[in-house]
C-alpha cells in the first residue's frame, strides 16, 4: 500500500479553494531554488522538493514571443519530474507537480495595459541569463543602470488525468518591471565583487544586497524573487472553479 503523503498544507494557510483542494495531495516542486520553496511556505504550501533533470537547453530564439520561453522551460521541468516519479512508483505518483522558470529581459514592455500584449509594438528584448563571470555581471548591471528590465516567471502545473498521455498541463506567466537607480560605478563594482549576482538571472538579487541598486518595481515583488505566489494561488482557485474534476484522479 502506498504511503500517505505528508501534508503539503501548513497550519497558517488561508482556507481558499485552491489550497483546500491540495489537502491530502502529493504536491511536488520541480525546482531546487530555495527562494521558490520559501515563497510557497510563506503562503502556507510546503511541497516536496524534487529538482528537475531537464537540461534547460531550449533556444529562446525559437519562440516568436520571448515570454513563451520561460513557460516552455517550466513545463519541461514539471513534465520530466512527473514522468520520472510515475515510472519509479506508479502507485504513489504525484497529484500535482509545479515547475517554474524566471528570466530577465531588457527593453521592458508595460506590465498592464488596455491593449493586449499581442497588439503592442514588436520590440526585440534581450534575454539576460546568469553572468558567466564578474566582468559579465558588471556589463549587465551597467546596461541596466538607470534603466528598467522585465522579469518574467513561467509557471506550469502537471497533474494526472485518465486520458492519454496520462497527465494534463496548465501554464501561466507573470511579468514585473524592475527600475534601476542611476547608481554610481563604485556601487556597481562593489556589488559585483560581493559575488551575489553571479548565480542570478540578470546578475542581481533584489531580495539581497542587490536591492540597493533598485529604485522601484511595478508588479509582484515575489515574482522578481522567483515565484509569483499571488497569481499562482489565484490560478489554482480558477482551475478549481472551472473544473470539478481538477486533481480528482
C-alpha atoms as a PDB file:
ATOM      1  CA  UNK A   1       0.000   0.000   0.000  1.00  0.00           C
ATOM      2  CA  UNK A   2       1.314   3.432  -0.930  1.00  0.00           C
ATOM      3  CA  UNK A   3       2.290   5.610   1.986  1.00  0.00           C
ATOM      4  CA  UNK A   4       0.138   8.629   2.698  1.00  0.00           C
ATOM      5  CA  UNK A   5       1.887  11.848   1.612  1.00  0.00           C
ATOM      6  CA  UNK A   6       2.958  14.329   4.252  1.00  0.00           C
ATOM      7  CA  UNK A   7       0.567  17.259   4.335  1.00  0.00           C
ATOM      8  CA  UNK A   8       1.591  19.991   1.925  1.00  0.00           C
ATOM      9  CA  UNK A   9      -0.689  22.460   3.699  1.00  0.00           C
ATOM     10  CA  UNK A  10       0.834  24.364   6.590  1.00  0.00           C
ATOM     11  CA  UNK A  11      -1.313  25.411   9.589  1.00  0.00           C
ATOM     12  CA  UNK A  12      -1.229  29.115   8.725  1.00  0.00           C
ATOM     13  CA  UNK A  13      -2.507  28.638   5.140  1.00  0.00           C
ATOM     14  CA  UNK A  14      -5.628  30.542   4.163  1.00  0.00           C
ATOM     15  CA  UNK A  15      -8.713  28.412   3.544  1.00  0.00           C
ATOM     16  CA  UNK A  16      -9.221  29.274  -0.118  1.00  0.00           C
ATOM     17  CA  UNK A  17     -10.425  26.841  -2.815  1.00  0.00           C
ATOM     18  CA  UNK A  18      -7.047  26.179  -4.416  1.00  0.00           C
ATOM     19  CA  UNK A  19      -5.291  25.436  -1.144  1.00  0.00           C
ATOM     20  CA  UNK A  20      -8.195  23.388   0.200  1.00  0.00           C
ATOM     21  CA  UNK A  21      -8.061  21.266  -2.958  1.00  0.00           C
ATOM     22  CA  UNK A  22      -4.449  20.311  -2.169  1.00  0.00           C
ATOM     23  CA  UNK A  23      -5.300  18.822   1.232  1.00  0.00           C
ATOM     24  CA  UNK A  24      -4.112  15.226   1.372  1.00  0.00           C
ATOM     25  CA  UNK A  25      -2.466  15.507  -2.050  1.00  0.00           C
ATOM     26  CA  UNK A  26       1.125  14.795  -3.019  1.00  0.00           C
ATOM     27  CA  UNK A  27       2.431  18.158  -4.219  1.00  0.00           C
ATOM     28  CA  UNK A  28       5.900  18.422  -5.735  1.00  0.00           C
ATOM     29  CA  UNK A  29       8.017  21.474  -6.576  1.00  0.00           C
ATOM     30  CA  UNK A  30      10.264  20.659  -9.551  1.00  0.00           C
ATOM     31  CA  UNK A  31      12.915  23.180  -8.545  1.00  0.00           C
ATOM     32  CA  UNK A  32      15.976  23.318  -6.332  1.00  0.00           C
ATOM     33  CA  UNK A  33      15.525  27.059  -5.781  1.00  0.00           C
ATOM     34  CA  UNK A  34      15.367  27.757  -2.032  1.00  0.00           C
ATOM     35  CA  UNK A  35      13.648  31.056  -2.828  1.00  0.00           C
ATOM     36  CA  UNK A  36      10.676  29.355  -4.512  1.00  0.00           C
ATOM     37  CA  UNK A  37      10.324  26.953  -1.607  1.00  0.00           C
ATOM     38  CA  UNK A  38      10.422  29.821   0.892  1.00  0.00           C
ATOM     39  CA  UNK A  39       7.862  31.888  -1.013  1.00  0.00           C
ATOM     40  CA  UNK A  40       5.390  28.999  -1.144  1.00  0.00           C
ATOM     41  CA  UNK A  41       5.889  28.349   2.568  1.00  0.00           C
ATOM     42  CA  UNK A  42       5.120  31.999   3.360  1.00  0.00           C
ATOM     43  CA  UNK A  43       1.654  31.403   1.941  1.00  0.00           C
ATOM     44  CA  UNK A  44       1.130  28.028   3.580  1.00  0.00           C
ATOM     45  CA  UNK A  45       2.245  25.477   0.988  1.00  0.00           C
ATOM     46  CA  UNK A  46       5.122  23.072   1.685  1.00  0.00           C
ATOM     47  CA  UNK A  47       5.578  20.810  -1.351  1.00  0.00           C
ATOM     48  CA  UNK A  48       8.160  18.066  -1.702  1.00  0.00           C
ATOM     49  CA  UNK A  49      11.218  19.436  -3.446  1.00  0.00           C
ATOM     50  CA  UNK A  50      12.394  17.230  -6.319  1.00  0.00           C
ATOM     51  CA  UNK A  51      14.618  19.167  -8.733  1.00  0.00           C
ATOM     52  CA  UNK A  52      14.169  18.535 -12.429  1.00  0.00           C
ATOM     53  CA  UNK A  53      16.845  16.902 -14.562  1.00  0.00           C
ATOM     54  CA  UNK A  54      15.717  18.801 -17.651  1.00  0.00           C
ATOM     55  CA  UNK A  55      18.873  20.385 -19.137  1.00  0.00           C
ATOM     56  CA  UNK A  56      17.147  23.747 -19.803  1.00  0.00           C
ATOM     57  CA  UNK A  57      18.563  23.828 -23.315  1.00  0.00           C
ATOM     58  CA  UNK A  58      15.625  25.315 -25.198  1.00  0.00           C
ATOM     59  CA  UNK A  59      16.586  28.037 -27.646  1.00  0.00           C
ATOM     60  CA  UNK A  60      14.994  31.366 -26.814  1.00  0.00           C
ATOM     61  CA  UNK A  61      15.349  32.296 -30.479  1.00  0.00           C
ATOM     62  CA  UNK A  62      12.893  29.554 -31.451  1.00  0.00           C
ATOM     63  CA  UNK A  63       9.976  31.443 -29.855  1.00  0.00           C
ATOM     64  CA  UNK A  64       8.134  34.184 -31.715  1.00  0.00           C
ATOM     65  CA  UNK A  65       7.256  35.682 -28.329  1.00  0.00           C
ATOM     66  CA  UNK A  66      10.160  35.581 -25.861  1.00  0.00           C
ATOM     67  CA  UNK A  67       7.649  35.415 -22.975  1.00  0.00           C
ATOM     68  CA  UNK A  68       6.779  31.871 -24.067  1.00  0.00           C
ATOM     69  CA  UNK A  69      10.346  30.743 -23.364  1.00  0.00           C
ATOM     70  CA  UNK A  70      10.165  30.566 -19.526  1.00  0.00           C
ATOM     71  CA  UNK A  71       6.724  28.936 -19.742  1.00  0.00           C
ATOM     72  CA  UNK A  72       8.091  26.226 -22.040  1.00  0.00           C
ATOM     73  CA  UNK A  73      11.085  25.655 -19.774  1.00  0.00           C
ATOM     74  CA  UNK A  74       8.844  25.446 -16.694  1.00  0.00           C
ATOM     75  CA  UNK A  75       6.654  22.910 -18.490  1.00  0.00           C
ATOM     76  CA  UNK A  76       9.597  20.721 -19.467  1.00  0.00           C
ATOM     77  CA  UNK A  77      10.853  20.781 -15.869  1.00  0.00           C
ATOM     78  CA  UNK A  78       7.475  19.766 -14.455  1.00  0.00           C
ATOM     79  CA  UNK A  79       6.812  17.037 -17.035  1.00  0.00           C
ATOM     80  CA  UNK A  80      10.257  15.496 -16.501  1.00  0.00           C
ATOM     81  CA  UNK A  81       9.710  15.235 -12.749  1.00  0.00           C
ATOM     82  CA  UNK A  82       6.144  13.975 -13.112  1.00  0.00           C
ATOM     83  CA  UNK A  83       7.088  11.204 -15.555  1.00  0.00           C
ATOM     84  CA  UNK A  84      10.128  10.190 -13.501  1.00  0.00           C
ATOM     85  CA  UNK A  85       8.097   9.864 -10.298  1.00  0.00           C
ATOM     86  CA  UNK A  86       5.321   7.876 -12.008  1.00  0.00           C
ATOM     87  CA  UNK A  87       7.868   5.488 -13.549  1.00  0.00           C
ATOM     88  CA  UNK A  88       9.632   4.918 -10.240  1.00  0.00           C
ATOM     89  CA  UNK A  89       6.462   4.343  -8.209  1.00  0.00           C
ATOM     90  CA  UNK A  90       3.225   4.102 -10.236  1.00  0.00           C
ATOM     91  CA  UNK A  91       1.141   3.599  -7.081  1.00  0.00           C
ATOM     92  CA  UNK A  92       2.414   6.770  -5.460  1.00  0.00           C
ATOM     93  CA  UNK A  93       2.612   9.262  -8.295  1.00  0.00           C
ATOM     94  CA  UNK A  94       2.288  12.980  -7.617  1.00  0.00           C
ATOM     95  CA  UNK A  95      -1.085  14.714  -7.645  1.00  0.00           C
ATOM     96  CA  UNK A  96       0.473  17.999  -8.733  1.00  0.00           C
ATOM     97  CA  UNK A  97       3.930  18.980  -9.970  1.00  0.00           C
ATOM     98  CA  UNK A  98       4.828  22.669 -10.063  1.00  0.00           C
ATOM     99  CA  UNK A  99       7.509  23.848 -12.465  1.00  0.00           C
ATOM    100  CA  UNK A 100       8.826  27.400 -12.695  1.00  0.00           C
ATOM    101  CA  UNK A 101      11.402  29.367 -14.634  1.00  0.00           C
ATOM    102  CA  UNK A 102      12.324  33.037 -14.233  1.00  0.00           C
ATOM    103  CA  UNK A 103      14.053  35.165 -16.855  1.00  0.00           C
ATOM    104  CA  UNK A 104      15.134  38.787 -17.091  1.00  0.00           C
ATOM    105  CA  UNK A 105      14.525  40.760 -20.288  1.00  0.00           C
ATOM    106  CA  UNK A 106      15.750  44.144 -21.443  1.00  0.00           C
ATOM    107  CA  UNK A 107      13.534  46.735 -23.192  1.00  0.00           C
ATOM    108  CA  UNK A 108      10.611  46.049 -20.893  1.00  0.00           C
ATOM    109  CA  UNK A 109       7.022  46.185 -22.076  1.00  0.00           C
ATOM    110  CA  UNK A 110       4.193  47.539 -19.868  1.00  0.00           C
ATOM    111  CA  UNK A 111       3.053  45.307 -17.007  1.00  0.00           C
ATOM    112  CA  UNK A 112      -0.564  46.349 -17.523  1.00  0.00           C
ATOM    113  CA  UNK A 113      -2.278  47.957 -20.465  1.00  0.00           C
ATOM    114  CA  UNK A 114      -5.684  48.340 -22.045  1.00  0.00           C
ATOM    115  CA  UNK A 115      -4.045  46.911 -25.168  1.00  0.00           C
ATOM    116  CA  UNK A 116      -3.391  43.177 -25.461  1.00  0.00           C
ATOM    117  CA  UNK A 117       0.290  42.199 -25.337  1.00  0.00           C
ATOM    118  CA  UNK A 118      -0.042  40.756 -28.854  1.00  0.00           C
ATOM    119  CA  UNK A 119      -1.072  44.180 -30.161  1.00  0.00           C
ATOM    120  CA  UNK A 120       1.804  46.133 -28.633  1.00  0.00           C
ATOM    121  CA  UNK A 121       4.603  47.242 -30.989  1.00  0.00           C
ATOM    122  CA  UNK A 122       7.145  44.488 -31.587  1.00  0.00           C
ATOM    123  CA  UNK A 123      10.329  45.163 -29.609  1.00  0.00           C
ATOM    124  CA  UNK A 124      13.410  42.960 -29.552  1.00  0.00           C
ATOM    125  CA  UNK A 125      14.058  42.023 -25.932  1.00  0.00           C
ATOM    126  CA  UNK A 126      17.452  40.659 -24.951  1.00  0.00           C
ATOM    127  CA  UNK A 127      17.430  37.679 -22.611  1.00  0.00           C
ATOM    128  CA  UNK A 128      19.782  38.145 -19.655  1.00  0.00           C
ATOM    129  CA  UNK A 129      20.990  34.781 -18.405  1.00  0.00           C
ATOM    130  CA  UNK A 130      23.204  34.217 -15.375  1.00  0.00           C
ATOM    131  CA  UNK A 131      26.535  36.067 -15.746  1.00  0.00           C
ATOM    132  CA  UNK A 132      29.460  33.982 -16.953  1.00  0.00           C
ATOM    133  CA  UNK A 133      31.859  35.790 -14.618  1.00  0.00           C
ATOM    134  CA  UNK A 134      32.267  39.057 -12.723  1.00  0.00           C
ATOM    135  CA  UNK A 135      33.161  41.003 -15.844  1.00  0.00           C
ATOM    136  CA  UNK A 136      29.948  39.804 -17.497  1.00  0.00           C
ATOM    137  CA  UNK A 137      27.999  40.653 -14.330  1.00  0.00           C
ATOM    138  CA  UNK A 138      29.368  44.200 -14.394  1.00  0.00           C
ATOM    139  CA  UNK A 139      28.451  44.555 -18.087  1.00  0.00           C
ATOM    140  CA  UNK A 140      24.863  43.513 -17.363  1.00  0.00           C
ATOM    141  CA  UNK A 141      24.481  45.937 -14.474  1.00  0.00           C
ATOM    142  CA  UNK A 142      25.996  48.797 -16.443  1.00  0.00           C
ATOM    143  CA  UNK A 143      23.445  48.133 -19.211  1.00  0.00           C
ATOM    144  CA  UNK A 144      20.583  48.040 -16.700  1.00  0.00           C
ATOM    145  CA  UNK A 145      21.794  51.005 -14.648  1.00  0.00           C
ATOM    146  CA  UNK A 146      19.289  53.868 -14.686  1.00  0.00           C
ATOM    147  CA  UNK A 147      17.002  51.758 -16.872  1.00  0.00           C
ATOM    148  CA  UNK A 148      14.220  49.198 -16.497  1.00  0.00           C
ATOM    149  CA  UNK A 149      14.064  45.464 -17.099  1.00  0.00           C
ATOM    150  CA  UNK A 150      11.221  42.980 -17.248  1.00  0.00           C
ATOM    151  CA  UNK A 151      11.192  39.900 -15.013  1.00  0.00           C
ATOM    152  CA  UNK A 152       9.028  37.062 -16.323  1.00  0.00           C
ATOM    153  CA  UNK A 153       8.259  33.833 -14.484  1.00  0.00           C
ATOM    154  CA  UNK A 154       6.610  30.945 -16.260  1.00  0.00           C
ATOM    155  CA  UNK A 155       4.707  28.528 -14.010  1.00  0.00           C
ATOM    156  CA  UNK A 156       3.475  25.146 -15.217  1.00  0.00           C
ATOM    157  CA  UNK A 157       1.212  22.680 -13.407  1.00  0.00           C
ATOM    158  CA  UNK A 158       1.239  18.985 -14.326  1.00  0.00           C
ATOM    159  CA  UNK A 159      -1.367  16.634 -12.852  1.00  0.00           C
ATOM    160  CA  UNK A 160      -2.809  13.185 -13.657  1.00  0.00           C
ATOM    161  CA  UNK A 161      -5.817  12.630 -15.893  1.00  0.00           C
ATOM    162  CA  UNK A 162      -7.409   9.457 -17.268  1.00  0.00           C
ATOM    163  CA  UNK A 163      -6.859  10.326 -20.921  1.00  0.00           C
ATOM    164  CA  UNK A 164      -3.613   9.892 -22.880  1.00  0.00           C
ATOM    165  CA  UNK A 165      -0.791  10.678 -22.147  1.00  0.00           C
ATOM    166  CA  UNK A 166      -1.955  10.338 -18.527  1.00  0.00           C
ATOM    167  CA  UNK A 167      -1.339  13.905 -17.437  1.00  0.00           C
ATOM    168  CA  UNK A 168      -2.561  17.392 -18.228  1.00  0.00           C
ATOM    169  CA  UNK A 169      -0.699  20.696 -18.272  1.00  0.00           C
ATOM    170  CA  UNK A 170      -1.833  24.171 -17.300  1.00  0.00           C
ATOM    171  CA  UNK A 171       0.527  27.131 -17.509  1.00  0.00           C
ATOM    172  CA  UNK A 172       0.711  30.865 -16.864  1.00  0.00           C
ATOM    173  CA  UNK A 173       3.262  33.654 -16.772  1.00  0.00           C
ATOM    174  CA  UNK A 174       3.687  36.710 -14.581  1.00  0.00           C
ATOM    175  CA  UNK A 175       5.546  39.887 -15.537  1.00  0.00           C
ATOM    176  CA  UNK A 176       7.074  42.580 -13.338  1.00  0.00           C
ATOM    177  CA  UNK A 177       9.123  45.670 -14.096  1.00  0.00           C
ATOM    178  CA  UNK A 178      12.283  46.500 -12.152  1.00  0.00           C
ATOM    179  CA  UNK A 179      13.564  50.091 -12.252  1.00  0.00           C
ATOM    180  CA  UNK A 180      17.260  50.571 -11.528  1.00  0.00           C
ATOM    181  CA  UNK A 181      18.536  53.709  -9.845  1.00  0.00           C
ATOM    182  CA  UNK A 182      21.266  55.696 -11.554  1.00  0.00           C
ATOM    183  CA  UNK A 183      23.892  54.010  -9.419  1.00  0.00           C
ATOM    184  CA  UNK A 184      27.493  55.130  -9.008  1.00  0.00           C
ATOM    185  CA  UNK A 185      30.028  52.909 -10.753  1.00  0.00           C
ATOM    186  CA  UNK A 186      31.670  52.264  -7.379  1.00  0.00           C
ATOM    187  CA  UNK A 187      28.407  50.732  -6.086  1.00  0.00           C
ATOM    188  CA  UNK A 188      28.024  48.516  -9.156  1.00  0.00           C
ATOM    189  CA  UNK A 189      31.612  47.287  -8.806  1.00  0.00           C
ATOM    190  CA  UNK A 190      31.227  46.674  -5.068  1.00  0.00           C
ATOM    191  CA  UNK A 191      28.060  44.649  -5.727  1.00  0.00           C
ATOM    192  CA  UNK A 192      29.754  42.593  -8.425  1.00  0.00           C
ATOM    193  CA  UNK A 193      32.717  41.958  -6.108  1.00  0.00           C
ATOM    194  CA  UNK A 194      30.298  40.581  -3.490  1.00  0.00           C
ATOM    195  CA  UNK A 195      29.523  37.696  -5.842  1.00  0.00           C
ATOM    196  CA  UNK A 196      25.823  37.725  -5.025  1.00  0.00           C
ATOM    197  CA  UNK A 197      24.721  38.295  -8.605  1.00  0.00           C
ATOM    198  CA  UNK A 198      26.792  35.557 -10.224  1.00  0.00           C
ATOM    199  CA  UNK A 199      24.136  32.858  -9.896  1.00  0.00           C
ATOM    200  CA  UNK A 200      21.146  35.076 -10.709  1.00  0.00           C
ATOM    201  CA  UNK A 201      19.430  35.757 -13.991  1.00  0.00           C
ATOM    202  CA  UNK A 202      20.158  39.358 -14.868  1.00  0.00           C
ATOM    203  CA  UNK A 203      23.047  39.444 -12.409  1.00  0.00           C
ATOM    204  CA  UNK A 204      21.203  40.766  -9.351  1.00  0.00           C
ATOM    205  CA  UNK A 205      19.152  39.560  -6.381  1.00  0.00           C
ATOM    206  CA  UNK A 206      16.506  42.069  -5.333  1.00  0.00           C
ATOM    207  CA  UNK A 207      15.911  40.279  -2.019  1.00  0.00           C
ATOM    208  CA  UNK A 208      19.575  40.642  -1.092  1.00  0.00           C
ATOM    209  CA  UNK A 209      22.184  43.370  -1.413  1.00  0.00           C
ATOM    210  CA  UNK A 210      21.008  43.860  -4.984  1.00  0.00           C
ATOM    211  CA  UNK A 211      18.060  45.731  -3.507  1.00  0.00           C
ATOM    212  CA  UNK A 212      20.435  48.707  -3.086  1.00  0.00           C
ATOM    213  CA  UNK A 213      20.516  49.048  -6.874  1.00  0.00           C
ATOM    214  CA  UNK A 214      16.736  49.224  -7.318  1.00  0.00           C
ATOM    215  CA  UNK A 215      14.590  52.374  -7.305  1.00  0.00           C
ATOM    216  CA  UNK A 216      11.162  50.712  -7.550  1.00  0.00           C
ATOM    217  CA  UNK A 217       9.249  47.816  -9.061  1.00  0.00           C
ATOM    218  CA  UNK A 218       5.895  47.558 -10.792  1.00  0.00           C
ATOM    219  CA  UNK A 219       4.131  44.259 -10.242  1.00  0.00           C
ATOM    220  CA  UNK A 220       4.617  41.330  -7.890  1.00  0.00           C
ATOM    221  CA  UNK A 221       7.757  41.542  -5.732  1.00  0.00           C
ATOM    222  CA  UNK A 222       7.762  37.787  -5.193  1.00  0.00           C
ATOM    223  CA  UNK A 223       7.759  37.298  -8.940  1.00  0.00           C
ATOM    224  CA  UNK A 224      11.043  39.209  -9.129  1.00  0.00           C
ATOM    225  CA  UNK A 225      12.457  36.985  -6.390  1.00  0.00           C
ATOM    226  CA  UNK A 226      11.455  33.863  -8.326  1.00  0.00           C
ATOM    227  CA  UNK A 227       7.840  32.800  -7.870  1.00  0.00           C
ATOM    228  CA  UNK A 228       4.575  34.751  -8.428  1.00  0.00           C
ATOM    229  CA  UNK A 229       2.663  33.425  -5.435  1.00  0.00           C
ATOM    230  CA  UNK A 230      -0.376  35.702  -5.700  1.00  0.00           C
ATOM    231  CA  UNK A 231      -1.025  34.817  -9.351  1.00  0.00           C
ATOM    232  CA  UNK A 232      -0.293  31.155  -8.703  1.00  0.00           C
ATOM    233  CA  UNK A 233      -2.888  30.810  -5.949  1.00  0.00           C
ATOM    234  CA  UNK A 234      -5.445  32.806  -7.950  1.00  0.00           C
ATOM    235  CA  UNK A 235      -4.810  30.450 -10.858  1.00  0.00           C
ATOM    236  CA  UNK A 236      -5.357  27.415  -8.619  1.00  0.00           C
ATOM    237  CA  UNK A 237      -8.662  28.899  -7.462  1.00  0.00           C
ATOM    238  CA  UNK A 238      -9.674  29.424 -11.096  1.00  0.00           C
ATOM    239  CA  UNK A 239      -8.856  25.825 -12.043  1.00  0.00           C
ATOM    240  CA  UNK A 240     -10.919  24.542  -9.115  1.00  0.00           C
ATOM    241  CA  UNK A 241     -13.825  26.781 -10.091  1.00  0.00           C
ATOM    242  CA  UNK A 242     -13.755  25.816 -13.781  1.00  0.00           C
ATOM    243  CA  UNK A 243     -13.150  22.065 -13.458  1.00  0.00           C
ATOM    244  CA  UNK A 244     -14.913  19.916 -10.851  1.00  0.00           C
ATOM    245  CA  UNK A 245     -12.532  17.054 -11.668  1.00  0.00           C
ATOM    246  CA  UNK A 246      -9.323  19.041 -11.132  1.00  0.00           C
ATOM    247  CA  UNK A 247      -6.935  16.918  -9.008  1.00  0.00           C
ATOM    248  CA  UNK A 248      -9.576  14.227  -8.537  1.00  0.00           C
ATOM    249  CA  UNK A 249      -7.784  11.415 -10.444  1.00  0.00           C
END
